[in-house]
Amino acid sequence: MADVGGTLSFDDIPALGDVPAGLPRFVPQLDANTVEALDTSLGWGAYALGMRRWLSPTTHELYPRYENYSCAREALGLAPGGPQLAVLVGYGEDPLVEAFWTRRFELGLIERLADQQWDLVLTPNFSMYANQPRTEHLLNFRRNLLLAAELVAAGVPAVPNIYWARKEDLDRYVAWAEDVSPPALAVNLQTFRTEDDWVGTALPGLTYLSLCLSEQTKLVFTGGTRPNRLADLGRLFADRWWYVSQKPVQAARHGRQLTAEGEAAVYARPEDLFASNVRFAAGLVERAGLLGPTALAGTPREDVTS
């Protein structure tokens, strides 16, 4: 309790970061520390990097690469002053995000993030397991927002991740949002692996948020590229959501192209497959945002897995 300020409420947490201008609706997440081997012809407007590419899961130390460049864009192989944006997705396995929390002051991690001038940081998210004690849920929900507040206070454009277990959790977020009008919120959808997870837990909560949050609040989602899920997000949030996914690079590394008929094995260079996959996924997101579920009519529900 002392670690989170002696309270489980959200009353002392101010509005947090926003989605930067120019961020494309779809942001591909990389599987390496540089984009140079993949972005040979694509020139996409933003690239994301996961936490474990920035903070070592083994040593819980910052990778030296990020000490040797003047900013995150340069470290990723993007032009430091150019139009491409650098996004840090602070999600990872529990030991890694817990290490970030525990060592953030000791290692100056928040100050380092600020110095590296990331264009957007999705705040490290602390897990919510159904079999955890309820107090653990509440502590982690508080930590998700509190850490975002610490980052924003240091000058980091951080958007907080939110999780929920019950309707009362959603009610607490909505009440907080009514008070402070957060510009943006993030939701990690990667853990909803099955259709039962999606229909039984994720979709009801997202539907409630879509009805109760201000239309000025943007949403940043991270997950796979299943067309039915993207269509659901488009139906719920129209054009006020952004999407981050590793699927284009994962498929490209395995020689697979994302298509409307599913994943196709293709003999091609990984960078060419990556470019094709990014454009395909971005098209799904754009169409879902504009037209809702009817935009993807006829597309198999499970053709692209998480």
Protein backbone atom coordinates (compact mmCIF):
# COMPACT_ATOMS: atom_id res chain seq x y z
CA MET A 1 0.00 0.00 0.00
CA ALA A 2 2.86 2.36 0.75
CA ASP A 3 4.19 1.79 -2.78
CA VAL A 4 0.97 3.08 -4.33
CA GLY A 5 0.52 6.06 -2.03
CA GLY A 6 -1.59 4.51 0.72
CA THR A 7 -4.82 4.42 -1.30
CA LEU A 8 -6.51 2.34 -3.98
CA SER A 9 -8.61 5.19 -5.34
CA PHE A 10 -7.90 7.15 -8.51
CA ASP A 11 -8.90 10.54 -7.11
CA ASP A 12 -5.37 11.98 -6.99
CA ILE A 13 -4.36 10.94 -10.52
CA PRO A 14 -4.56 13.72 -13.13
CA ALA A 15 -5.24 13.52 -16.85
CA LEU A 16 -2.38 11.83 -18.65
CA GLY A 17 -0.80 11.65 -22.12
CA ASP A 18 -2.32 11.86 -25.58
CA VAL A 19 -1.87 10.22 -28.97
CA PRO A 20 0.70 12.26 -30.93
CA ALA A 21 -0.29 14.11 -34.06
CA GLY A 22 0.54 12.15 -37.19
CA LEU A 23 0.37 8.70 -35.58
CA PRO A 24 -0.97 6.29 -38.22
CA ARG A 25 -4.05 4.30 -37.25
CA PHE A 26 -2.04 1.10 -37.48
CA VAL A 27 1.41 0.84 -35.90
CA PRO A 28 3.51 -2.28 -36.53
CA GLN A 29 5.48 -3.55 -33.55
CA LEU A 30 9.01 -4.73 -34.25
CA ASP A 31 10.70 -7.94 -33.15
CA ALA A 32 14.18 -6.38 -33.14
CA ASN A 33 15.87 -3.23 -31.87
CA THR A 34 16.08 -1.57 -35.27
CA VAL A 35 13.76 -1.06 -38.20
CA GLU A 36 16.52 -0.77 -40.79
CA ALA A 37 16.33 -4.37 -42.05
CA LEU A 38 12.56 -4.15 -42.54
CA ASP A 39 11.76 -0.56 -43.51
CA THR A 40 13.66 -0.71 -46.79
CA SER A 41 10.77 0.52 -48.93
CA LEU A 42 7.75 0.91 -46.68
CA GLY A 43 8.51 4.20 -44.94
CA TRP A 44 5.69 3.68 -42.43
CA GLY A 45 4.70 6.61 -40.23
CA ALA A 46 5.47 4.95 -36.87
CA TYR A 47 7.04 1.85 -35.40
CA ALA A 48 6.57 0.32 -31.97
CA LEU A 49 9.00 -1.53 -29.76
CA GLY A 50 8.07 -3.86 -26.90
CA MET A 51 9.40 -3.46 -23.37
CA ARG A 52 11.66 -6.52 -23.55
CA ARG A 53 13.55 -4.94 -26.44
CA TRP A 54 14.28 -1.91 -24.27
CA LEU A 55 14.77 -3.41 -20.80
CA SER A 56 16.56 -6.74 -20.51
CA PRO A 57 14.35 -9.58 -19.18
CA THR A 58 17.53 -11.24 -17.90
CA THR A 59 19.43 -8.44 -16.14
CA HIS A 60 16.58 -5.93 -15.76
CA GLU A 61 19.00 -3.30 -17.02
CA LEU A 62 18.47 -0.91 -19.91
CA TYR A 63 20.09 -2.18 -23.11
CA PRO A 64 23.28 -0.21 -23.91
CA ARG A 65 21.91 0.62 -27.36
CA TYR A 66 19.62 3.18 -25.82
CA GLU A 67 22.50 4.90 -24.07
CA ASN A 68 24.47 5.33 -27.28
CA TYR A 69 22.00 7.37 -29.31
CA SER A 70 20.60 10.82 -28.77
CA CYS A 71 16.95 9.74 -28.97
CA ALA A 72 14.67 6.75 -29.48
CA ARG A 73 14.08 7.50 -33.15
CA GLU A 74 17.79 7.36 -33.85
CA ALA A 75 18.20 4.14 -31.84
CA LEU A 76 15.47 2.49 -33.94
CA GLY A 77 17.09 3.63 -37.17
CA LEU A 78 14.59 6.40 -37.85
CA ALA A 79 15.59 9.95 -38.70
CA PRO A 80 15.80 11.86 -35.38
CA GLY A 81 13.90 14.85 -36.74
CA GLY A 82 11.93 13.02 -39.38
CA PRO A 83 8.22 12.24 -39.75
CA GLN A 84 8.40 8.66 -38.47
CA LEU A 85 7.37 8.24 -34.83
CA ALA A 86 8.78 5.93 -32.15
CA VAL A 87 6.37 4.14 -29.80
CA LEU A 88 7.34 2.13 -26.73
CA VAL A 89 4.83 -0.56 -25.77
CA GLY A 90 5.46 -1.12 -22.08
CA TYR A 91 3.85 -4.54 -21.96
CA GLY A 92 5.73 -7.68 -21.06
CA GLU A 93 5.85 -10.73 -18.86
CA ASP A 94 5.25 -10.11 -15.17
CA PRO A 95 8.91 -10.28 -13.99
CA LEU A 96 9.86 -7.58 -16.49
CA VAL A 97 7.12 -5.08 -15.69
CA GLU A 98 7.58 -5.72 -11.98
CA ALA A 99 11.30 -5.01 -12.41
CA PHE A 100 10.44 -1.72 -14.10
CA TRP A 101 8.28 -0.75 -11.13
CA THR A 102 10.81 -1.86 -8.51
CA ARG A 103 13.88 -0.35 -10.17
CA ARG A 104 12.42 2.74 -11.82
CA PHE A 105 13.98 5.10 -9.28
CA GLU A 106 17.19 3.15 -8.72
CA LEU A 107 17.97 3.06 -12.45
CA GLY A 108 16.37 6.37 -13.34
CA LEU A 109 14.15 4.62 -15.90
CA ILE A 110 11.55 7.37 -16.02
CA GLU A 111 14.18 10.06 -16.61
CA ARG A 112 15.79 7.92 -19.30
CA LEU A 113 12.49 7.54 -21.10
CA ALA A 114 12.08 11.30 -21.03
CA ASP A 115 15.61 11.87 -22.33
CA GLN A 116 15.06 9.44 -25.20
CA GLN A 117 12.12 11.50 -26.51
CA TRP A 118 9.75 8.69 -27.36
CA ASP A 119 6.75 10.02 -29.24
CA LEU A 120 4.35 7.76 -27.33
CA VAL A 121 4.76 5.37 -24.41
CA LEU A 122 2.04 2.86 -23.54
CA THR A 123 2.57 2.51 -19.82
CA PRO A 124 3.78 -0.82 -18.42
CA ASN A 125 0.72 -2.79 -17.41
CA PHE A 126 0.44 -4.85 -14.26
CA SER A 127 -1.47 -8.06 -14.68
CA MET A 128 -4.99 -8.94 -13.65
CA TYR A 129 -5.56 -12.68 -13.10
CA ALA A 130 -8.97 -14.04 -12.24
CA ASN A 131 -7.52 -16.24 -9.48
CA GLN A 132 -5.66 -13.40 -7.76
CA PRO A 133 -6.94 -11.93 -4.50
CA ARG A 134 -9.17 -8.96 -5.16
CA THR A 135 -6.73 -6.65 -3.41
CA GLU A 136 -4.08 -7.55 -5.98
CA HIS A 137 -6.43 -6.44 -8.76
CA LEU A 138 -7.01 -3.09 -7.09
CA LEU A 139 -3.31 -2.52 -6.42
CA ASN A 140 -2.44 -3.22 -10.04
CA PHE A 141 -5.21 -1.02 -11.43
CA ARG A 142 -3.88 1.79 -9.26
CA ARG A 143 -0.28 1.13 -10.33
CA ASN A 144 -1.22 1.26 -14.02
CA LEU A 145 -2.52 4.81 -13.63
CA LEU A 146 0.03 5.93 -11.07
CA LEU A 147 2.99 4.97 -13.22
CA ALA A 148 1.52 6.85 -16.17
CA ALA A 149 1.20 9.92 -13.95
CA GLU A 150 4.86 9.64 -12.93
CA LEU A 151 5.91 9.39 -16.56
CA VAL A 152 3.81 12.35 -17.67
CA ALA A 153 5.15 14.46 -14.79
CA ALA A 154 8.66 13.77 -16.14
CA GLY A 155 7.69 14.87 -19.64
CA VAL A 156 7.02 11.46 -21.17
CA PRO A 157 3.94 11.30 -23.47
CA ALA A 158 2.51 8.28 -21.63
CA VAL A 159 -0.93 6.75 -22.05
CA PRO A 160 -2.10 4.48 -19.20
CA ASN A 161 -3.14 0.90 -19.69
CA ILE A 162 -6.39 -0.19 -18.06
CA TYR A 163 -7.64 -3.66 -17.11
CA TRP A 164 -10.84 -4.76 -15.41
CA ALA A 165 -12.29 -7.80 -13.69
CA ARG A 166 -15.76 -6.54 -12.81
CA LYS A 167 -18.23 -3.87 -13.83
CA GLU A 168 -17.32 -1.92 -10.70
CA ASP A 169 -13.77 -1.59 -12.08
CA LEU A 170 -15.15 -0.05 -15.24
CA ASP A 171 -17.36 2.24 -13.16
CA ARG A 172 -14.28 3.48 -11.30
CA TYR A 173 -12.46 4.25 -14.54
CA VAL A 174 -15.50 6.04 -15.94
CA ALA A 175 -15.93 8.14 -12.78
CA TRP A 176 -12.24 9.07 -12.88
CA ALA A 177 -12.48 9.91 -16.58
CA GLU A 178 -15.50 12.14 -15.95
CA ASP A 179 -13.41 14.12 -13.46
CA VAL A 180 -10.15 14.49 -15.40
CA SER A 181 -11.04 13.89 -19.08
CA PRO A 182 -8.03 11.74 -20.05
CA PRO A 183 -7.00 12.39 -23.65
CA ALA A 184 -6.31 8.70 -24.27
CA LEU A 185 -6.37 5.25 -22.68
CA ALA A 186 -4.69 2.01 -23.74
CA VAL A 187 -5.96 -1.56 -23.54
CA ASN A 188 -3.77 -4.61 -24.08
CA LEU A 189 -5.91 -7.17 -25.92
CA GLN A 190 -3.13 -9.71 -26.46
CA THR A 191 -4.15 -11.78 -23.45
CA PHE A 192 -7.65 -12.48 -24.77
CA ARG A 193 -6.53 -15.48 -26.77
CA THR A 194 -9.73 -17.43 -27.35
CA GLU A 195 -13.06 -16.40 -28.78
CA ASP A 196 -14.64 -17.13 -25.38
CA ASP A 197 -12.17 -14.70 -23.76
CA TRP A 198 -13.10 -12.07 -26.30
CA VAL A 199 -16.87 -12.50 -26.20
CA GLY A 200 -17.12 -13.18 -22.47
CA THR A 201 -14.70 -10.64 -21.02
CA ALA A 202 -13.12 -8.19 -23.45
CA LEU A 203 -16.10 -7.24 -25.60
CA PRO A 204 -18.58 -6.51 -22.78
CA GLY A 205 -16.03 -4.24 -21.07
CA LEU A 206 -15.13 -2.46 -24.29
CA THR A 207 -18.79 -1.98 -25.10
CA TYR A 208 -19.39 -0.41 -21.69
CA LEU A 209 -16.41 1.91 -22.13
CA SER A 210 -17.59 2.95 -25.59
CA LEU A 211 -20.93 4.00 -24.13
CA CYS A 212 -19.62 5.74 -21.02
CA LEU A 213 -16.34 7.41 -21.95
CA SER A 214 -16.33 10.85 -23.52
CA GLU A 215 -16.08 10.81 -27.28
CA GLN A 216 -12.98 12.98 -26.85
CA THR A 217 -11.07 10.11 -25.21
CA LYS A 218 -8.98 8.16 -27.70
CA LEU A 219 -8.17 4.45 -27.35
CA VAL A 220 -4.92 2.68 -28.23
CA PHE A 221 -5.25 -1.11 -28.54
CA THR A 222 -2.55 -3.75 -28.81
CA GLY A 223 -3.27 -7.22 -30.13
CA GLY A 224 -3.51 -9.54 -33.11
CA THR A 225 -5.26 -8.75 -36.39
CA ARG A 226 -8.38 -10.90 -36.32
CA PRO A 227 -10.86 -9.16 -38.63
CA ASN A 228 -13.88 -9.82 -36.42
CA ARG A 229 -12.16 -8.16 -33.44
CA LEU A 230 -11.08 -5.16 -35.49
CA ALA A 231 -14.63 -4.86 -36.78
CA ASP A 232 -15.93 -4.89 -33.20
CA LEU A 233 -13.52 -2.09 -32.27
CA GLY A 234 -14.60 -0.08 -35.29
CA ARG A 235 -18.24 -0.53 -34.42
CA LEU A 236 -17.65 0.58 -30.84
CA PHE A 237 -15.14 3.41 -31.25
CA ALA A 238 -15.60 4.65 -34.84
CA ASP A 239 -12.51 6.69 -35.74
CA ARG A 240 -11.08 7.40 -32.27
CA TRP A 241 -8.88 4.33 -31.89
CA TRP A 242 -5.37 3.30 -32.90
CA TYR A 243 -3.97 -0.21 -33.16
CA VAL A 244 -0.54 -1.75 -32.50
CA SER A 245 0.32 -5.31 -33.55
CA GLN A 246 3.32 -7.61 -34.00
CA LYS A 247 1.43 -9.83 -36.43
CA PRO A 248 2.89 -8.37 -39.67
CA VAL A 249 6.48 -9.01 -38.64
CA GLN A 250 5.73 -12.39 -37.05
CA ALA A 251 4.10 -13.63 -40.24
CA ALA A 252 6.85 -12.17 -42.43
CA ARG A 253 9.57 -13.92 -40.43
CA HIS A 254 7.84 -17.25 -41.14
CA GLY A 255 7.40 -16.60 -44.85
CA ARG A 256 3.71 -15.87 -44.63
CA GLN A 257 1.62 -13.16 -46.21
CA LEU A 258 -1.57 -11.84 -44.63
CA THR A 259 -4.50 -11.95 -47.05
CA ALA A 260 -8.29 -11.81 -46.93
CA GLU A 261 -8.33 -15.59 -47.31
CA GLY A 262 -5.92 -16.14 -44.42
CA GLU A 263 -2.16 -16.54 -44.14
CA ALA A 264 -0.48 -17.72 -47.32
CA ALA A 265 2.98 -19.26 -47.55
CA VAL A 266 4.94 -17.08 -49.98
CA TYR A 267 8.53 -17.28 -51.14
CA ALA A 268 9.68 -13.69 -50.74
CA ARG A 269 12.12 -11.54 -48.82
CA PRO A 270 11.05 -10.84 -45.20
CA GLU A 271 11.13 -7.09 -45.80
CA ASP A 272 8.78 -7.41 -48.78
CA LEU A 273 6.40 -9.64 -46.85
CA PHE A 274 6.55 -7.24 -43.92
CA ALA A 275 5.62 -4.28 -46.14
CA SER A 276 2.72 -6.23 -47.64
CA ASN A 277 1.51 -7.41 -44.23
CA VAL A 278 1.64 -3.91 -42.73
CA ARG A 279 -0.40 -2.49 -45.59
CA PHE A 280 -2.94 -5.31 -45.30
CA ALA A 281 -3.34 -4.91 -41.52
CA ALA A 282 -3.57 -1.14 -41.85
CA GLY A 283 -6.31 -1.59 -44.42
CA LEU A 284 -8.30 -3.76 -42.02
CA VAL A 285 -8.01 -1.13 -39.30
CA GLU A 286 -8.94 1.75 -41.61
CA ARG A 287 -11.95 -0.08 -43.03
CA ALA A 288 -13.15 -1.15 -39.59
CA GLY A 289 -12.90 2.42 -38.31
CA LEU A 290 -14.85 3.84 -41.20
CA LEU A 291 -17.57 1.26 -41.73
CA GLY A 292 -17.76 -0.97 -38.66
CA PRO A 293 -18.35 -4.72 -38.94
CA THR A 294 -19.92 -4.58 -42.39
CA ALA A 295 -16.54 -3.48 -43.80
CA LEU A 296 -15.17 -6.96 -43.24
CA ALA A 297 -18.20 -8.95 -44.32
CA GLY A 298 -17.19 -12.23 -45.87
CA THR A 299 -13.79 -12.33 -44.19
CA PRO A 300 -13.18 -15.45 -42.07
CA ARG A 301 -13.39 -14.65 -38.36
CA GLU A 302 -10.21 -16.47 -37.43
CA ASP A 303 -8.14 -16.07 -40.58
CA VAL A 304 -5.35 -14.18 -38.81
CA THR A 305 -4.49 -15.38 -35.33
CA SER A 306 -3.22 -13.30 -32.46
